[in-house]
Amino acid sequence: MMKMPSRRTMRRLPVLLPALLALGMLAGCSTPDPYQDLPGGGTDARTGQIVVDDSWVDAPRGLNVGAAAPLRLAMTNESATTADALVGVSTPVAEHATFEQDGHAVPRIPLPTDAQSDLELTTGIELHGFRQSLVPGQWFPVTLTFQNAAPVTLQVAAGPLPER
């Protein structure tokens, strides 16, 4: 036979119930933030005299199959004597990439000597035809190919990125 709660327990129930509900709600809020593993500012790499800073894909709501999204990054050519150029971008998750400067398609992105090309706030590289859906915070490899410097592969994430 089941024992009924005492009157004392029943009198405490109105006080305990809100506390138990609040505890349950807090437990539901403990899901990790999908952006917590993204580095502030994106990932970095170096190949020869070319430094790649803050690379990430601008996809605040993720990406669907077939979508396009800009690859955000900055590239600095630290050479005082040899200009270079970004001539290719590839990733297994997208069909192809295009380059753009000042609103026009271009075959390459020039990297003058002792200068930075900042493509974080402007579209310069667009990845097209995503082969799979991506959620914000998901990582994938991107290979950058240069005219003179060796190619470099780095892991980038679909963003937004957290504040620094």
C-alpha atoms as a PDB file:
ATOM      1  CA  MET A   1       0.000   0.000   0.000  1.00  0.00           C
ATOM      2  CA  MET A   2       1.294   3.433  -0.961  1.00  0.00           C
ATOM      3  CA  LYS A   3       1.876   5.956   1.809  1.00  0.00           C
ATOM      4  CA  MET A   4       0.321   9.397   1.297  1.00  0.00           C
ATOM      5  CA  PRO A   5       2.442  12.513   1.862  1.00  0.00           C
ATOM      6  CA  SER A   6       2.054  14.134   5.238  1.00  0.00           C
ATOM      7  CA  ARG A   7       0.253  17.423   5.741  1.00  0.00           C
ATOM      8  CA  ARG A   8       3.603  19.036   6.481  1.00  0.00           C
ATOM      9  CA  THR A   9       4.944  17.974   3.040  1.00  0.00           C
ATOM     10  CA  MET A  10       1.756  19.118   1.341  1.00  0.00           C
ATOM     11  CA  ARG A  11       2.075  22.561   2.982  1.00  0.00           C
ATOM     12  CA  ARG A  12       5.652  22.921   1.616  1.00  0.00           C
ATOM     13  CA  LEU A  13       4.690  21.953  -1.931  1.00  0.00           C
ATOM     14  CA  PRO A  14       3.669  25.522  -2.988  1.00  0.00           C
ATOM     15  CA  VAL A  15       7.143  26.696  -1.884  1.00  0.00           C
ATOM     16  CA  LEU A  16       9.099  23.767  -3.363  1.00  0.00           C
ATOM     17  CA  LEU A  17       7.278  23.574  -6.712  1.00  0.00           C
ATOM     18  CA  PRO A  18       8.537  26.907  -8.141  1.00  0.00           C
ATOM     19  CA  ALA A  19      12.081  26.041  -7.044  1.00  0.00           C
ATOM     20  CA  LEU A  20      11.888  22.625  -8.744  1.00  0.00           C
ATOM     21  CA  LEU A  21      10.500  24.185 -11.933  1.00  0.00           C
ATOM     22  CA  ALA A  22      13.271  26.816 -11.978  1.00  0.00           C
ATOM     23  CA  LEU A  23      15.884  24.091 -11.529  1.00  0.00           C
ATOM     24  CA  GLY A  24      14.426  22.185 -14.465  1.00  0.00           C
ATOM     25  CA  MET A  25      14.473  25.303 -16.639  1.00  0.00           C
ATOM     26  CA  LEU A  26      18.108  25.992 -15.766  1.00  0.00           C
ATOM     27  CA  ALA A  27      19.029  22.441 -16.669  1.00  0.00           C
ATOM     28  CA  GLY A  28      17.478  23.000 -20.098  1.00  0.00           C
ATOM     29  CA  CYS A  29      19.584  26.128 -20.588  1.00  0.00           C
ATOM     30  CA  SER A  30      22.843  24.273 -20.214  1.00  0.00           C
ATOM     31  CA  THR A  31      23.079  23.332 -23.897  1.00  0.00           C
ATOM     32  CA  PRO A  32      26.456  24.496 -25.162  1.00  0.00           C
ATOM     33  CA  ASP A  33      26.605  27.595 -27.314  1.00  0.00           C
ATOM     34  CA  PRO A  34      27.319  26.392 -30.883  1.00  0.00           C
ATOM     35  CA  TYR A  35      29.889  29.176 -31.322  1.00  0.00           C
ATOM     36  CA  GLN A  36      31.870  28.500 -28.140  1.00  0.00           C
ATOM     37  CA  ASP A  37      34.664  26.604 -29.921  1.00  0.00           C
ATOM     38  CA  LEU A  38      35.223  29.208 -32.613  1.00  0.00           C
ATOM     39  CA  PRO A  39      38.313  31.309 -32.050  1.00  0.00           C
ATOM     40  CA  GLY A  40      37.666  35.029 -31.761  1.00  0.00           C
ATOM     41  CA  GLY A  41      38.536  36.371 -35.200  1.00  0.00           C
ATOM     42  CA  GLY A  42      38.898  33.028 -37.024  1.00  0.00           C
ATOM     43  CA  THR A  43      41.883  30.815 -37.786  1.00  0.00           C
ATOM     44  CA  ASP A  44      45.346  31.835 -38.946  1.00  0.00           C
ATOM     45  CA  ALA A  45      48.046  30.268 -41.139  1.00  0.00           C
ATOM     46  CA  ARG A  46      51.359  31.087 -42.796  1.00  0.00           C
ATOM     47  CA  THR A  47      53.024  29.959 -45.990  1.00  0.00           C
ATOM     48  CA  GLY A  48      56.358  31.562 -46.859  1.00  0.00           C
ATOM     49  CA  GLN A  49      55.933  35.323 -46.691  1.00  0.00           C
ATOM     50  CA  ILE A  50      52.108  35.150 -46.808  1.00  0.00           C
ATOM     51  CA  VAL A  51      50.228  35.398 -43.503  1.00  0.00           C
ATOM     52  CA  VAL A  52      46.538  34.475 -43.474  1.00  0.00           C
ATOM     53  CA  ASP A  53      44.551  35.952 -40.576  1.00  0.00           C
ATOM     54  CA  ASP A  54      41.048  35.564 -39.219  1.00  0.00           C
ATOM     55  CA  SER A  55      39.616  33.118 -41.761  1.00  0.00           C
ATOM     56  CA  TRP A  56      35.987  31.988 -41.447  1.00  0.00           C
ATOM     57  CA  VAL A  57      32.884  31.515 -43.603  1.00  0.00           C
ATOM     58  CA  ASP A  58      30.095  34.031 -43.148  1.00  0.00           C
ATOM     59  CA  ALA A  59      27.115  31.762 -42.439  1.00  0.00           C
ATOM     60  CA  PRO A  60      25.249  33.037 -39.357  1.00  0.00           C
ATOM     61  CA  ARG A  61      22.299  30.659 -39.911  1.00  0.00           C
ATOM     62  CA  GLY A  62      24.329  27.832 -41.398  1.00  0.00           C
ATOM     63  CA  LEU A  63      24.255  26.774 -45.057  1.00  0.00           C
ATOM     64  CA  ASN A  64      22.010  24.521 -47.117  1.00  0.00           C
ATOM     65  CA  VAL A  65      23.134  22.250 -49.930  1.00  0.00           C
ATOM     66  CA  GLY A  66      23.754  24.341 -53.063  1.00  0.00           C
ATOM     67  CA  ALA A  67      24.177  27.616 -51.151  1.00  0.00           C
ATOM     68  CA  ALA A  68      26.976  30.172 -51.538  1.00  0.00           C
ATOM     69  CA  ALA A  69      28.806  32.081 -48.805  1.00  0.00           C
ATOM     70  CA  PRO A  70      31.752  34.459 -48.542  1.00  0.00           C
ATOM     71  CA  LEU A  71      35.065  33.288 -47.122  1.00  0.00           C
ATOM     72  CA  ARG A  72      36.251  36.068 -44.807  1.00  0.00           C
ATOM     73  CA  LEU A  73      39.985  36.543 -44.175  1.00  0.00           C
ATOM     74  CA  ALA A  74      42.909  38.914 -44.344  1.00  0.00           C
ATOM     75  CA  MET A  75      46.161  38.128 -46.158  1.00  0.00           C
ATOM     76  CA  THR A  76      49.449  39.944 -45.663  1.00  0.00           C
ATOM     77  CA  ASN A  77      52.435  39.661 -47.977  1.00  0.00           C
ATOM     78  CA  GLU A  78      55.408  40.307 -45.683  1.00  0.00           C
ATOM     79  CA  SER A  79      57.921  40.225 -48.560  1.00  0.00           C
ATOM     80  CA  ALA A  80      59.537  43.562 -49.348  1.00  0.00           C
ATOM     81  CA  THR A  81      60.548  42.437 -52.839  1.00  0.00           C
ATOM     82  CA  THR A  82      58.144  39.811 -54.254  1.00  0.00           C
ATOM     83  CA  ALA A  83      54.486  40.405 -54.991  1.00  0.00           C
ATOM     84  CA  ASP A  84      52.209  37.378 -54.929  1.00  0.00           C
ATOM     85  CA  ALA A  85      48.576  36.574 -55.698  1.00  0.00           C
ATOM     86  CA  LEU A  86      45.870  34.245 -54.454  1.00  0.00           C
ATOM     87  CA  VAL A  87      45.041  32.153 -57.535  1.00  0.00           C
ATOM     88  CA  GLY A  88      42.854  29.365 -56.142  1.00  0.00           C
ATOM     89  CA  VAL A  89      40.599  28.324 -53.271  1.00  0.00           C
ATOM     90  CA  SER A  90      39.203  24.831 -52.820  1.00  0.00           C
ATOM     91  CA  THR A  91      37.339  22.855 -50.204  1.00  0.00           C
ATOM     92  CA  PRO A  92      35.720  19.434 -50.261  1.00  0.00           C
ATOM     93  CA  VAL A  93      32.425  20.946 -49.035  1.00  0.00           C
ATOM     94  CA  ALA A  94      31.877  23.354 -51.965  1.00  0.00           C
ATOM     95  CA  GLU A  95      32.002  22.936 -55.735  1.00  0.00           C
ATOM     96  CA  HIS A  96      34.085  26.031 -56.552  1.00  0.00           C
ATOM     97  CA  ALA A  97      35.200  29.495 -55.482  1.00  0.00           C
ATOM     98  CA  THR A  98      35.153  32.820 -57.303  1.00  0.00           C
ATOM     99  CA  PHE A  99      37.177  35.984 -56.724  1.00  0.00           C
ATOM    100  CA  GLU A 100      35.763  39.485 -56.736  1.00  0.00           C
ATOM    101  CA  GLN A 101      37.304  42.928 -56.392  1.00  0.00           C
ATOM    102  CA  ASP A 102      35.371  46.186 -56.388  1.00  0.00           C
ATOM    103  CA  GLY A 103      32.210  44.316 -57.422  1.00  0.00           C
ATOM    104  CA  HIS A 104      33.796  42.645 -60.481  1.00  0.00           C
ATOM    105  CA  ALA A 105      34.889  39.062 -61.042  1.00  0.00           C
ATOM    106  CA  VAL A 106      38.674  38.721 -61.210  1.00  0.00           C
ATOM    107  CA  PRO A 107      40.950  35.735 -61.942  1.00  0.00           C
ATOM    108  CA  ARG A 108      43.151  36.314 -58.870  1.00  0.00           C
ATOM    109  CA  ILE A 109      43.528  38.499 -55.800  1.00  0.00           C
ATOM    110  CA  PRO A 110      46.797  40.460 -55.917  1.00  0.00           C
ATOM    111  CA  LEU A 111      48.997  40.501 -52.820  1.00  0.00           C
ATOM    112  CA  PRO A 112      51.375  43.457 -53.250  1.00  0.00           C
ATOM    113  CA  THR A 113      54.675  43.608 -51.356  1.00  0.00           C
ATOM    114  CA  ASP A 114      54.485  44.747 -47.718  1.00  0.00           C
ATOM    115  CA  ALA A 115      50.699  45.061 -47.883  1.00  0.00           C
ATOM    116  CA  GLN A 116      47.537  43.538 -46.468  1.00  0.00           C
ATOM    117  CA  SER A 117      44.455  42.502 -48.451  1.00  0.00           C
ATOM    118  CA  ASP A 118      41.575  42.597 -45.993  1.00  0.00           C
ATOM    119  CA  LEU A 119      38.594  40.533 -47.138  1.00  0.00           C
ATOM    120  CA  GLU A 120      36.896  40.362 -43.747  1.00  0.00           C
ATOM    121  CA  LEU A 121      34.322  43.070 -44.365  1.00  0.00           C
ATOM    122  CA  THR A 122      34.109  42.928 -48.161  1.00  0.00           C
ATOM    123  CA  THR A 123      33.393  40.057 -50.497  1.00  0.00           C
ATOM    124  CA  GLY A 124      36.567  38.881 -52.184  1.00  0.00           C
ATOM    125  CA  ILE A 125      36.152  35.104 -52.149  1.00  0.00           C
ATOM    126  CA  GLU A 126      32.794  33.417 -52.568  1.00  0.00           C
ATOM    127  CA  LEU A 127      32.364  29.667 -52.066  1.00  0.00           C
ATOM    128  CA  HIS A 128      29.626  28.249 -54.329  1.00  0.00           C
ATOM    129  CA  GLY A 129      27.586  25.061 -54.455  1.00  0.00           C
ATOM    130  CA  PHE A 130      27.951  23.661 -50.955  1.00  0.00           C
ATOM    131  CA  ARG A 131      27.796  19.864 -51.183  1.00  0.00           C
ATOM    132  CA  GLN A 132      26.446  19.452 -47.662  1.00  0.00           C
ATOM    133  CA  SER A 133      24.498  21.476 -45.150  1.00  0.00           C
ATOM    134  CA  LEU A 134      26.573  23.221 -42.497  1.00  0.00           C
ATOM    135  CA  VAL A 135      25.530  24.511 -39.091  1.00  0.00           C
ATOM    136  CA  PRO A 136      27.147  27.518 -37.432  1.00  0.00           C
ATOM    137  CA  GLY A 137      30.282  26.359 -35.656  1.00  0.00           C
ATOM    138  CA  GLN A 138      30.972  23.461 -38.034  1.00  0.00           C
ATOM    139  CA  TRP A 139      34.610  23.154 -39.181  1.00  0.00           C
ATOM    140  CA  PHE A 140      35.928  22.158 -42.614  1.00  0.00           C
ATOM    141  CA  PRO A 141      39.225  22.431 -44.541  1.00  0.00           C
ATOM    142  CA  VAL A 142      39.949  25.151 -47.099  1.00  0.00           C
ATOM    143  CA  THR A 143      43.073  25.177 -49.278  1.00  0.00           C
ATOM    144  CA  LEU A 144      44.472  28.489 -50.540  1.00  0.00           C
ATOM    145  CA  THR A 145      46.749  28.377 -53.607  1.00  0.00           C
ATOM    146  CA  PHE A 146      49.155  31.218 -54.367  1.00  0.00           C
ATOM    147  CA  GLN A 147      51.105  32.242 -57.448  1.00  0.00           C
ATOM    148  CA  ASN A 148      54.492  32.030 -55.643  1.00  0.00           C
ATOM    149  CA  ALA A 149      53.986  30.803 -52.067  1.00  0.00           C
ATOM    150  CA  ALA A 150      53.190  27.157 -51.357  1.00  0.00           C
ATOM    151  CA  PRO A 151      49.529  26.206 -50.907  1.00  0.00           C
ATOM    152  CA  VAL A 152      48.205  26.194 -47.360  1.00  0.00           C
ATOM    153  CA  THR A 153      45.249  24.277 -45.916  1.00  0.00           C
ATOM    154  CA  LEU A 154      43.495  25.564 -42.834  1.00  0.00           C
ATOM    155  CA  GLN A 155      40.395  24.633 -40.883  1.00  0.00           C
ATOM    156  CA  VAL A 156      37.666  27.259 -41.053  1.00  0.00           C
ATOM    157  CA  ALA A 157      34.268  27.383 -39.435  1.00  0.00           C
ATOM    158  CA  ALA A 158      30.869  28.561 -40.510  1.00  0.00           C
ATOM    159  CA  GLY A 159      30.261  31.649 -38.367  1.00  0.00           C
ATOM    160  CA  PRO A 160      29.438  34.197 -36.921  1.00  0.00           C
ATOM    161  CA  LEU A 161      32.493  34.380 -34.762  1.00  0.00           C
ATOM    162  CA  PRO A 162      32.484  35.424 -31.104  1.00  0.00           C
ATOM    163  CA  GLU A 163      33.637  38.881 -30.085  1.00  0.00           C
ATOM    164  CA  ARG A 164      37.299  39.192 -29.252  1.00  0.00           C
END
